[in-house]
Amino acid sequence: MKKILLPTDFSDNAFNAIEYALQLFEKEVCTFYLLNIYTPIVYDTEYVGYSSINPGLDEIYKKNSITGLHKTEKKIRESFDNKLHQFKEISSFNILTDEINDLVEKEAIDLIVMGTQGATGAKEVLFGSTTVRVIHRTKIPVIAIPSAYAFNGLENLLFPTDYDIDYHESQLHWINYLAKNNQSKLHIIHISEDDFLTAEQKKKKVKLTEKIQTENYKFNLVEGKHIAKTIYRYEKENNIDLLAMISNKHSFFENLFFKQIIDEIGFHTNVPFLVIPANKK
């Protein structure tokens, strides 16, 4: 049974991500954890001082959170009557990333699915950065769903790689799982300016092939100077339905480089984006 965490702020964007998750795992026995954090957006000394003399304020936030979760589950059950799915509502006064990490440990969560509206003026700070922050700080895979993106199957799955490390089978679990269960074509691409693989990269490519569990895959060597822009272009040209990346953190400089790529794609991706942490167990 899969355990999927669905953070929500009760927006259309958040519910769209919930709908995506319900359809992606339509045939899978799942427990979905509906999580709402009711910490005020501006949580500072002014709020603490005000709430201390108005203790009812906390109760109002809590009541609104619980009511919102009840309405969300009711809406889900009215739209998706799936006997394979069960739901647990969690309302918490906490920092989102702290609560997520606590739940991951306590409930053995497998995956997080959440929405991101990306970078559009002021919304970049409120929405896009929240999702990217979760991606950076959580220890389990996250699928970020762009605003208004509708699930329409998973025909093409894109996995960029630098062929510089040996991937563990556990790190490739979700890529293999999604490709097999959806009969997806897996596009494994390496982006390079000189259209060339070193001898060591060729060896890593062979090892990666041994760990791919679907027969419908292809390797592509794609020329490009700017990784994020090259990925965007490949997505569009090949009708990609989901982008998957593994966070390679085996050096300080690589970590910084990967963080920049994640930030760019997290803010601007047009398709769902699966990020698998390097320390995935």
C-alpha atoms as a PDB file:
ATOM      1  CA  MET A   1       0.000   0.000   0.000  1.00  0.00           C
ATOM      2  CA  LYS A   2       1.277   3.429  -0.924  1.00  0.00           C
ATOM      3  CA  LYS A   3       1.199   6.310   1.551  1.00  0.00           C
ATOM      4  CA  ILE A   4       0.884   9.652  -0.226  1.00  0.00           C
ATOM      5  CA  LEU A   5       1.054  13.051   1.475  1.00  0.00           C
ATOM      6  CA  LEU A   6      -1.096  15.811  -0.066  1.00  0.00           C
ATOM      7  CA  PRO A   7      -0.419  19.274   1.403  1.00  0.00           C
ATOM      8  CA  THR A   8      -3.262  21.714   0.760  1.00  0.00           C
ATOM      9  CA  ASP A   9      -4.051  25.360   1.393  1.00  0.00           C
ATOM     10  CA  PHE A  10      -7.585  24.778   0.023  1.00  0.00           C
ATOM     11  CA  SER A  11      -6.802  26.644  -3.211  1.00  0.00           C
ATOM     12  CA  ASP A  12      -7.816  25.464  -6.693  1.00  0.00           C
ATOM     13  CA  ASN A  13      -4.134  24.860  -7.376  1.00  0.00           C
ATOM     14  CA  ALA A  14      -3.819  22.534  -4.376  1.00  0.00           C
ATOM     15  CA  PHE A  15      -6.966  20.599  -5.240  1.00  0.00           C
ATOM     16  CA  ASN A  16      -5.753  20.212  -8.813  1.00  0.00           C
ATOM     17  CA  ALA A  17      -2.641  18.468  -7.454  1.00  0.00           C
ATOM     18  CA  ILE A  18      -4.870  16.243  -5.319  1.00  0.00           C
ATOM     19  CA  GLU A  19      -6.911  15.284  -8.387  1.00  0.00           C
ATOM     20  CA  TYR A  20      -3.690  14.440 -10.238  1.00  0.00           C
ATOM     21  CA  ALA A  21      -2.540  12.139  -7.432  1.00  0.00           C
ATOM     22  CA  LEU A  22      -5.913  10.382  -7.222  1.00  0.00           C
ATOM     23  CA  GLN A  23      -5.865   9.679 -10.961  1.00  0.00           C
ATOM     24  CA  LEU A  24      -2.185   8.719 -11.101  1.00  0.00           C
ATOM     25  CA  PHE A  25      -2.774   6.099  -8.384  1.00  0.00           C
ATOM     26  CA  GLU A  26      -6.295   5.160  -9.444  1.00  0.00           C
ATOM     27  CA  LYS A  27      -5.560   1.430  -9.491  1.00  0.00           C
ATOM     28  CA  GLU A  28      -3.302   1.391  -6.427  1.00  0.00           C
ATOM     29  CA  VAL A  29      -4.288   0.761  -2.809  1.00  0.00           C
ATOM     30  CA  CYS A  30      -3.358   4.036  -1.111  1.00  0.00           C
ATOM     31  CA  THR A  31      -3.720   6.041   2.050  1.00  0.00           C
ATOM     32  CA  PHE A  32      -3.754   9.742   1.262  1.00  0.00           C
ATOM     33  CA  TYR A  33      -2.815  12.157   4.042  1.00  0.00           C
ATOM     34  CA  LEU A  34      -4.550  15.521   3.576  1.00  0.00           C
ATOM     35  CA  LEU A  35      -2.355  18.067   5.352  1.00  0.00           C
ATOM     36  CA  ASN A  36      -3.191  21.669   6.137  1.00  0.00           C
ATOM     37  CA  ILE A  37      -0.868  23.970   8.016  1.00  0.00           C
ATOM     38  CA  TYR A  38      -2.728  26.842   9.625  1.00  0.00           C
ATOM     39  CA  THR A  39       0.277  28.900  10.684  1.00  0.00           C
ATOM     40  CA  PRO A  40      -0.449  32.506   9.645  1.00  0.00           C
ATOM     41  CA  ILE A  41       1.516  33.564   6.565  1.00  0.00           C
ATOM     42  CA  VAL A  42       3.065  36.348   8.630  1.00  0.00           C
ATOM     43  CA  TYR A  43       4.155  34.663  11.846  1.00  0.00           C
ATOM     44  CA  ASP A  44       6.167  37.204  13.803  1.00  0.00           C
ATOM     45  CA  THR A  45       6.422  38.908  17.190  1.00  0.00           C
ATOM     46  CA  GLU A  46       3.422  41.069  16.341  1.00  0.00           C
ATOM     47  CA  TYR A  47       1.221  38.006  15.799  1.00  0.00           C
ATOM     48  CA  VAL A  48       2.584  36.259  18.895  1.00  0.00           C
ATOM     49  CA  GLY A  49       1.852  39.314  20.990  1.00  0.00           C
ATOM     50  CA  TYR A  50      -1.626  39.722  19.549  1.00  0.00           C
ATOM     51  CA  SER A  51      -2.548  36.052  19.921  1.00  0.00           C
ATOM     52  CA  SER A  52      -1.352  36.004  23.524  1.00  0.00           C
ATOM     53  CA  ILE A  53      -3.992  38.561  24.474  1.00  0.00           C
ATOM     54  CA  ASN A  54      -6.541  37.074  22.053  1.00  0.00           C
ATOM     55  CA  PRO A  55      -6.271  33.308  22.647  1.00  0.00           C
ATOM     56  CA  GLY A  56      -9.376  32.708  20.544  1.00  0.00           C
ATOM     57  CA  LEU A  57      -7.406  33.601  17.417  1.00  0.00           C
ATOM     58  CA  ASP A  58      -5.592  30.251  17.428  1.00  0.00           C
ATOM     59  CA  GLU A  59      -8.918  28.429  17.734  1.00  0.00           C
ATOM     60  CA  ILE A  60     -10.316  30.306  14.747  1.00  0.00           C
ATOM     61  CA  TYR A  61      -7.355  29.272  12.586  1.00  0.00           C
ATOM     62  CA  LYS A  62      -7.653  25.690  13.816  1.00  0.00           C
ATOM     63  CA  LYS A  63     -11.408  25.536  13.202  1.00  0.00           C
ATOM     64  CA  ASN A  64     -11.029  26.925   9.683  1.00  0.00           C
ATOM     65  CA  SER A  65      -8.297  24.386   8.964  1.00  0.00           C
ATOM     66  CA  ILE A  66     -10.341  21.415  10.169  1.00  0.00           C
ATOM     67  CA  THR A  67     -13.448  22.641   8.326  1.00  0.00           C
ATOM     68  CA  GLY A  68     -11.419  23.056   5.146  1.00  0.00           C
ATOM     69  CA  LEU A  69     -10.066  19.516   5.409  1.00  0.00           C
ATOM     70  CA  HIS A  70     -13.575  18.090   5.919  1.00  0.00           C
ATOM     71  CA  LYS A  71     -14.807  19.958   2.823  1.00  0.00           C
ATOM     72  CA  THR A  72     -11.821  18.789   0.787  1.00  0.00           C
ATOM     73  CA  GLU A  73     -12.369  15.127   1.672  1.00  0.00           C
ATOM     74  CA  LYS A  74     -16.085  15.445   0.948  1.00  0.00           C
ATOM     75  CA  LYS A  75     -15.307  16.963  -2.451  1.00  0.00           C
ATOM     76  CA  ILE A  76     -12.877  14.140  -3.177  1.00  0.00           C
ATOM     77  CA  ARG A  77     -15.406  11.438  -2.290  1.00  0.00           C
ATOM     78  CA  GLU A  78     -18.080  13.090  -4.423  1.00  0.00           C
ATOM     79  CA  SER A  79     -15.772  13.247  -7.454  1.00  0.00           C
ATOM     80  CA  PHE A  80     -13.688  10.087  -6.981  1.00  0.00           C
ATOM     81  CA  ASP A  81     -15.532   7.149  -5.467  1.00  0.00           C
ATOM     82  CA  ASN A  82     -12.541   4.791  -5.304  1.00  0.00           C
ATOM     83  CA  LYS A  83     -12.718   1.894  -2.833  1.00  0.00           C
ATOM     84  CA  LEU A  84      -8.941   1.473  -3.041  1.00  0.00           C
ATOM     85  CA  HIS A  85      -8.339   4.866  -1.472  1.00  0.00           C
ATOM     86  CA  GLN A  86      -8.628   5.954   2.136  1.00  0.00           C
ATOM     87  CA  PHE A  87      -7.949   9.383   3.620  1.00  0.00           C
ATOM     88  CA  LYS A  88      -6.573  10.830   6.816  1.00  0.00           C
ATOM     89  CA  GLU A  89      -6.968  14.508   7.676  1.00  0.00           C
ATOM     90  CA  ILE A  90      -4.150  16.316   9.465  1.00  0.00           C
ATOM     91  CA  SER A  91      -4.465  19.892  10.723  1.00  0.00           C
ATOM     92  CA  SER A  92      -1.357  21.351  12.332  1.00  0.00           C
ATOM     93  CA  PHE A  93      -0.037  24.636  13.673  1.00  0.00           C
ATOM     94  CA  ASN A  94       3.502  24.271  12.419  1.00  0.00           C
ATOM     95  CA  ILE A  95       6.013  25.193   9.738  1.00  0.00           C
ATOM     96  CA  LEU A  96       5.161  23.233   6.578  1.00  0.00           C
ATOM     97  CA  THR A  97       8.559  21.609   6.038  1.00  0.00           C
ATOM     98  CA  ASP A  98       8.874  20.698   9.737  1.00  0.00           C
ATOM     99  CA  GLU A  99       5.430  19.095   9.772  1.00  0.00           C
ATOM    100  CA  ILE A 100       6.147  17.197   6.564  1.00  0.00           C
ATOM    101  CA  ASN A 101       9.408  15.801   7.918  1.00  0.00           C
ATOM    102  CA  ASP A 102       7.680  14.759  11.150  1.00  0.00           C
ATOM    103  CA  LEU A 103       4.920  12.974   9.218  1.00  0.00           C
ATOM    104  CA  VAL A 104       7.400  11.264   6.903  1.00  0.00           C
ATOM    105  CA  GLU A 105       9.078   9.689   9.929  1.00  0.00           C
ATOM    106  CA  LYS A 106       5.927   8.986  11.936  1.00  0.00           C
ATOM    107  CA  GLU A 107       3.730   7.590   9.146  1.00  0.00           C
ATOM    108  CA  ALA A 108       6.415   6.202   6.787  1.00  0.00           C
ATOM    109  CA  ILE A 109       5.174   8.383   3.905  1.00  0.00           C
ATOM    110  CA  ASP A 110       6.307   7.207   0.456  1.00  0.00           C
ATOM    111  CA  LEU A 111       5.671  10.279  -1.683  1.00  0.00           C
ATOM    112  CA  ILE A 112       4.531  13.907  -1.564  1.00  0.00           C
ATOM    113  CA  VAL A 113       2.312  15.362  -4.302  1.00  0.00           C
ATOM    114  CA  MET A 114       1.696  19.105  -4.206  1.00  0.00           C
ATOM    115  CA  GLY A 115       0.853  21.996  -6.476  1.00  0.00           C
ATOM    116  CA  THR A 116       3.039  24.867  -7.566  1.00  0.00           C
ATOM    117  CA  GLN A 117       1.903  27.960  -9.390  1.00  0.00           C
ATOM    118  CA  GLY A 118       5.432  28.823 -10.431  1.00  0.00           C
ATOM    119  CA  ALA A 119       6.961  32.265 -10.884  1.00  0.00           C
ATOM    120  CA  THR A 120       4.454  34.919 -11.870  1.00  0.00           C
ATOM    121  CA  GLY A 121       5.281  38.230 -10.266  1.00  0.00           C
ATOM    122  CA  ALA A 122       4.604  38.211  -6.538  1.00  0.00           C
ATOM    123  CA  LYS A 123       3.226  34.653  -6.687  1.00  0.00           C
ATOM    124  CA  GLU A 124       6.775  33.335  -7.099  1.00  0.00           C
ATOM    125  CA  VAL A 125       7.518  34.034  -3.451  1.00  0.00           C
ATOM    126  CA  LEU A 126       4.247  32.721  -2.015  1.00  0.00           C
ATOM    127  CA  PHE A 127       3.711  29.620  -4.128  1.00  0.00           C
ATOM    128  CA  GLY A 128       6.714  28.600  -6.230  1.00  0.00           C
ATOM    129  CA  SER A 129       9.272  29.004  -3.463  1.00  0.00           C
ATOM    130  CA  THR A 130       7.129  26.982  -1.031  1.00  0.00           C
ATOM    131  CA  THR A 131       7.193  23.941  -3.285  1.00  0.00           C
ATOM    132  CA  VAL A 132      10.890  24.297  -4.021  1.00  0.00           C
ATOM    133  CA  ARG A 133      11.582  24.637  -0.290  1.00  0.00           C
ATOM    134  CA  VAL A 134       9.775  21.341   0.354  1.00  0.00           C
ATOM    135  CA  ILE A 135      11.774  19.708  -2.454  1.00  0.00           C
ATOM    136  CA  HIS A 136      15.054  20.861  -0.900  1.00  0.00           C
ATOM    137  CA  ARG A 137      14.251  19.915   2.689  1.00  0.00           C
ATOM    138  CA  THR A 138      12.326  16.656   2.527  1.00  0.00           C
ATOM    139  CA  LYS A 139      13.922  13.215   2.533  1.00  0.00           C
ATOM    140  CA  ILE A 140      11.399  11.541   0.215  1.00  0.00           C
ATOM    141  CA  PRO A 141      10.381  12.085  -3.425  1.00  0.00           C
ATOM    142  CA  VAL A 142       8.117  14.987  -4.336  1.00  0.00           C
ATOM    143  CA  ILE A 143       5.932  15.427  -7.414  1.00  0.00           C
ATOM    144  CA  ALA A 144       5.199  19.109  -8.070  1.00  0.00           C
ATOM    145  CA  ILE A 145       2.109  19.695 -10.227  1.00  0.00           C
ATOM    146  CA  PRO A 146       1.903  22.934 -12.266  1.00  0.00           C
ATOM    147  CA  SER A 147      -1.187  25.050 -11.831  1.00  0.00           C
ATOM    148  CA  ALA A 148      -4.185  23.840 -13.896  1.00  0.00           C
ATOM    149  CA  TYR A 149      -2.240  20.819 -15.247  1.00  0.00           C
ATOM    150  CA  ALA A 150      -4.745  18.053 -15.946  1.00  0.00           C
ATOM    151  CA  PHE A 151      -3.782  14.387 -15.694  1.00  0.00           C
ATOM    152  CA  ASN A 152      -3.983  12.776 -19.113  1.00  0.00           C
ATOM    153  CA  GLY A 153      -2.006   9.596 -18.689  1.00  0.00           C
ATOM    154  CA  LEU A 154       1.739   9.159 -18.499  1.00  0.00           C
ATOM    155  CA  GLU A 155       2.794   8.236 -22.009  1.00  0.00           C
ATOM    156  CA  ASN A 156       6.236   9.863 -21.969  1.00  0.00           C
ATOM    157  CA  LEU A 157       8.510  10.137 -18.940  1.00  0.00           C
ATOM    158  CA  LEU A 158      11.747  12.150 -19.076  1.00  0.00           C
ATOM    159  CA  PHE A 159      14.812  11.368 -16.953  1.00  0.00           C
ATOM    160  CA  PRO A 160      17.905  13.592 -17.481  1.00  0.00           C
ATOM    161  CA  THR A 161      21.202  12.202 -16.161  1.00  0.00           C
ATOM    162  CA  ASP A 162      24.891  13.175 -16.217  1.00  0.00           C
ATOM    163  CA  TYR A 163      26.123   9.532 -16.045  1.00  0.00           C
ATOM    164  CA  ASP A 164      28.532  10.596 -13.300  1.00  0.00           C
ATOM    165  CA  ILE A 165      27.298   8.386 -10.438  1.00  0.00           C
ATOM    166  CA  ASP A 166      26.049   4.861  -9.862  1.00  0.00           C
ATOM    167  CA  TYR A 167      22.356   5.095  -9.046  1.00  0.00           C
ATOM    168  CA  HIS A 168      20.937   2.854  -6.354  1.00  0.00           C
ATOM    169  CA  GLU A 169      17.918   0.778  -7.305  1.00  0.00           C
ATOM    170  CA  SER A 170      15.986   2.483  -4.514  1.00  0.00           C
ATOM    171  CA  GLN A 171      16.635   5.867  -6.128  1.00  0.00           C
ATOM    172  CA  LEU A 172      15.220   4.574  -9.410  1.00  0.00           C
ATOM    173  CA  HIS A 173      12.180   2.981  -7.748  1.00  0.00           C
ATOM    174  CA  TRP A 174       9.645   5.663  -8.622  1.00  0.00           C
ATOM    175  CA  ILE A 175      10.940   6.090 -12.160  1.00  0.00           C
ATOM    176  CA  ASN A 176      10.676   2.338 -12.756  1.00  0.00           C
ATOM    177  CA  TYR A 177       7.333   2.126 -10.967  1.00  0.00           C
ATOM    178  CA  LEU A 178       5.683   4.928 -12.931  1.00  0.00           C
ATOM    179  CA  ALA A 179       7.116   3.799 -16.273  1.00  0.00           C
ATOM    180  CA  LYS A 180       5.981   0.184 -15.781  1.00  0.00           C
ATOM    181  CA  ASN A 181       2.554   0.872 -14.285  1.00  0.00           C
ATOM    182  CA  ASN A 182       1.656   3.413 -16.952  1.00  0.00           C
ATOM    183  CA  GLN A 183       3.392   1.656 -19.844  1.00  0.00           C
ATOM    184  CA  SER A 184       5.313   4.872 -20.393  1.00  0.00           C
ATOM    185  CA  LYS A 185       8.135   5.445 -22.826  1.00  0.00           C
ATOM    186  CA  LEU A 186      11.140   6.400 -20.692  1.00  0.00           C
ATOM    187  CA  HIS A 187      13.370   9.062 -22.284  1.00  0.00           C
ATOM    188  CA  ILE A 188      16.824   9.015 -20.661  1.00  0.00           C
ATOM    189  CA  ILE A 189      18.800  12.021 -21.843  1.00  0.00           C
ATOM    190  CA  HIS A 190      22.278  13.385 -21.279  1.00  0.00           C
ATOM    191  CA  ILE A 191      22.766  17.077 -22.040  1.00  0.00           C
ATOM    192  CA  SER A 192      26.206  18.064 -23.286  1.00  0.00           C
ATOM    193  CA  GLU A 193      27.759  20.941 -25.208  1.00  0.00           C
ATOM    194  CA  ASP A 194      30.107  18.695 -27.189  1.00  0.00           C
ATOM    195  CA  ASP A 195      27.842  15.694 -27.944  1.00  0.00           C
ATOM    196  CA  PHE A 196      30.372  13.353 -26.304  1.00  0.00           C
ATOM    197  CA  LEU A 197      30.526  10.764 -23.498  1.00  0.00           C
ATOM    198  CA  THR A 198      33.745   9.897 -21.667  1.00  0.00           C
ATOM    199  CA  ALA A 199      34.770   6.282 -21.198  1.00  0.00           C
ATOM    200  CA  GLU A 200      33.687   6.473 -17.539  1.00  0.00           C
ATOM    201  CA  GLN A 201      30.298   7.921 -18.469  1.00  0.00           C
ATOM    202  CA  LYS A 202      29.792   5.091 -20.951  1.00  0.00           C
ATOM    203  CA  LYS A 203      30.412   2.560 -18.159  1.00  0.00           C
ATOM    204  CA  LYS A 204      27.883   4.322 -15.911  1.00  0.00           C
ATOM    205  CA  LYS A 205      25.389   4.303 -18.763  1.00  0.00           C
ATOM    206  CA  VAL A 206      25.713   0.519 -19.044  1.00  0.00           C
ATOM    207  CA  LYS A 207      25.214   0.118 -15.288  1.00  0.00           C
ATOM    208  CA  LEU A 208      22.131   2.335 -15.439  1.00  0.00           C
ATOM    209  CA  THR A 209      20.698   0.201 -18.231  1.00  0.00           C
ATOM    210  CA  GLU A 210      20.942  -2.855 -15.969  1.00  0.00           C
ATOM    211  CA  LYS A 211      18.745  -1.126 -13.359  1.00  0.00           C
ATOM    212  CA  ILE A 212      16.012   0.092 -15.689  1.00  0.00           C
ATOM    213  CA  GLN A 213      13.021  -2.214 -15.245  1.00  0.00           C
ATOM    214  CA  THR A 214      11.006  -1.258 -18.287  1.00  0.00           C
ATOM    215  CA  GLU A 215      11.653  -2.391 -21.846  1.00  0.00           C
ATOM    216  CA  ASN A 216      10.222   0.756 -23.390  1.00  0.00           C
ATOM    217  CA  TYR A 217      13.086   3.207 -23.009  1.00  0.00           C
ATOM    218  CA  LYS A 218      15.619   5.061 -25.123  1.00  0.00           C
ATOM    219  CA  PHE A 219      18.862   6.956 -24.511  1.00  0.00           C
ATOM    220  CA  ASN A 220      19.433  10.318 -26.145  1.00  0.00           C
ATOM    221  CA  LEU A 221      22.511  12.519 -26.190  1.00  0.00           C
ATOM    222  CA  VAL A 222      21.177  16.066 -26.473  1.00  0.00           C
ATOM    223  CA  GLU A 223      23.331  19.081 -27.303  1.00  0.00           C
ATOM    224  CA  GLY A 224      22.768  22.178 -25.202  1.00  0.00           C
ATOM    225  CA  LYS A 225      24.574  24.805 -23.130  1.00  0.00           C
ATOM    226  CA  HIS A 226      21.757  25.666 -20.724  1.00  0.00           C
ATOM    227  CA  ILE A 227      20.393  22.559 -18.980  1.00  0.00           C
ATOM    228  CA  ALA A 228      16.999  23.915 -17.911  1.00  0.00           C
ATOM    229  CA  LYS A 229      16.255  25.471 -21.325  1.00  0.00           C
ATOM    230  CA  THR A 230      17.336  22.283 -23.093  1.00  0.00           C
ATOM    231  CA  ILE A 231      15.019  20.241 -20.879  1.00  0.00           C
ATOM    232  CA  TYR A 232      12.116  22.613 -21.644  1.00  0.00           C
ATOM    233  CA  ARG A 233      12.769  22.228 -25.352  1.00  0.00           C
ATOM    234  CA  TYR A 234      12.952  18.441 -25.152  1.00  0.00           C
ATOM    235  CA  GLU A 235       9.726  18.339 -23.118  1.00  0.00           C
ATOM    236  CA  LYS A 236       7.873  20.278 -25.785  1.00  0.00           C
ATOM    237  CA  GLU A 237       9.303  18.407 -28.773  1.00  0.00           C
ATOM    238  CA  ASN A 238       8.583  14.963 -27.289  1.00  0.00           C
ATOM    239  CA  ASN A 239       5.237  15.549 -25.528  1.00  0.00           C
ATOM    240  CA  ILE A 240       6.703  14.717 -22.113  1.00  0.00           C
ATOM    241  CA  ASP A 241       4.093  14.065 -19.395  1.00  0.00           C
ATOM    242  CA  LEU A 242       6.408  13.970 -16.378  1.00  0.00           C
ATOM    243  CA  LEU A 243       9.985  15.062 -15.686  1.00  0.00           C
ATOM    244  CA  ALA A 244      12.013  13.071 -13.137  1.00  0.00           C
ATOM    245  CA  MET A 245      15.365  14.054 -11.657  1.00  0.00           C
ATOM    246  CA  ILE A 246      17.577  12.641  -8.922  1.00  0.00           C
ATOM    247  CA  SER A 247      19.361  15.114  -6.680  1.00  0.00           C
ATOM    248  CA  ASN A 248      23.059  14.286  -6.911  1.00  0.00           C
ATOM    249  CA  LYS A 249      24.744  15.676  -3.820  1.00  0.00           C
ATOM    250  CA  HIS A 250      28.178  14.129  -3.742  1.00  0.00           C
ATOM    251  CA  SER A 251      30.049  17.422  -3.647  1.00  0.00           C
ATOM    252  CA  PHE A 252      29.457  20.961  -2.450  1.00  0.00           C
ATOM    253  CA  PHE A 253      29.723  22.388  -5.959  1.00  0.00           C
ATOM    254  CA  GLU A 254      27.402  19.795  -7.484  1.00  0.00           C
ATOM    255  CA  ASN A 255      24.897  20.475  -4.734  1.00  0.00           C
ATOM    256  CA  LEU A 256      24.912  24.190  -5.564  1.00  0.00           C
ATOM    257  CA  PHE A 257      24.625  23.455  -9.284  1.00  0.00           C
ATOM    258  CA  PHE A 258      21.746  21.017  -8.833  1.00  0.00           C
ATOM    259  CA  LYS A 259      19.978  23.452  -6.484  1.00  0.00           C
ATOM    260  CA  GLN A 260      20.045  26.107  -9.215  1.00  0.00           C
ATOM    261  CA  ILE A 261      18.578  23.682 -11.762  1.00  0.00           C
ATOM    262  CA  ILE A 262      15.849  22.566  -9.330  1.00  0.00           C
ATOM    263  CA  ASP A 263      14.992  26.186  -8.547  1.00  0.00           C
ATOM    264  CA  GLU A 264      14.671  27.055 -12.242  1.00  0.00           C
ATOM    265  CA  ILE A 265      12.591  24.018 -13.142  1.00  0.00           C
ATOM    266  CA  GLY A 266      10.566  24.180  -9.928  1.00  0.00           C
ATOM    267  CA  PHE A 267       9.482  27.698 -10.780  1.00  0.00           C
ATOM    268  CA  HIS A 268       8.956  27.256 -14.505  1.00  0.00           C
ATOM    269  CA  THR A 269       8.124  23.651 -15.382  1.00  0.00           C
ATOM    270  CA  ASN A 270       5.094  23.054 -17.606  1.00  0.00           C
ATOM    271  CA  VAL A 271       4.742  19.375 -16.691  1.00  0.00           C
ATOM    272  CA  PRO A 272       4.683  17.511 -13.356  1.00  0.00           C
ATOM    273  CA  PHE A 273       8.156  17.360 -11.845  1.00  0.00           C
ATOM    274  CA  LEU A 274       9.319  14.374  -9.761  1.00  0.00           C
ATOM    275  CA  VAL A 275      12.391  15.105  -7.637  1.00  0.00           C
ATOM    276  CA  ILE A 276      14.049  12.163  -5.884  1.00  0.00           C
ATOM    277  CA  PRO A 277      16.532  13.053  -3.103  1.00  0.00           C
ATOM    278  CA  ALA A 278      20.029  11.606  -3.330  1.00  0.00           C
ATOM    279  CA  ASN A 279      19.677  10.079   0.133  1.00  0.00           C
ATOM    280  CA  LYS A 280      16.531   8.151  -0.820  1.00  0.00           C
ATOM    281  CA  LYS A 281      16.697   4.941   1.181  1.00  0.00           C
END
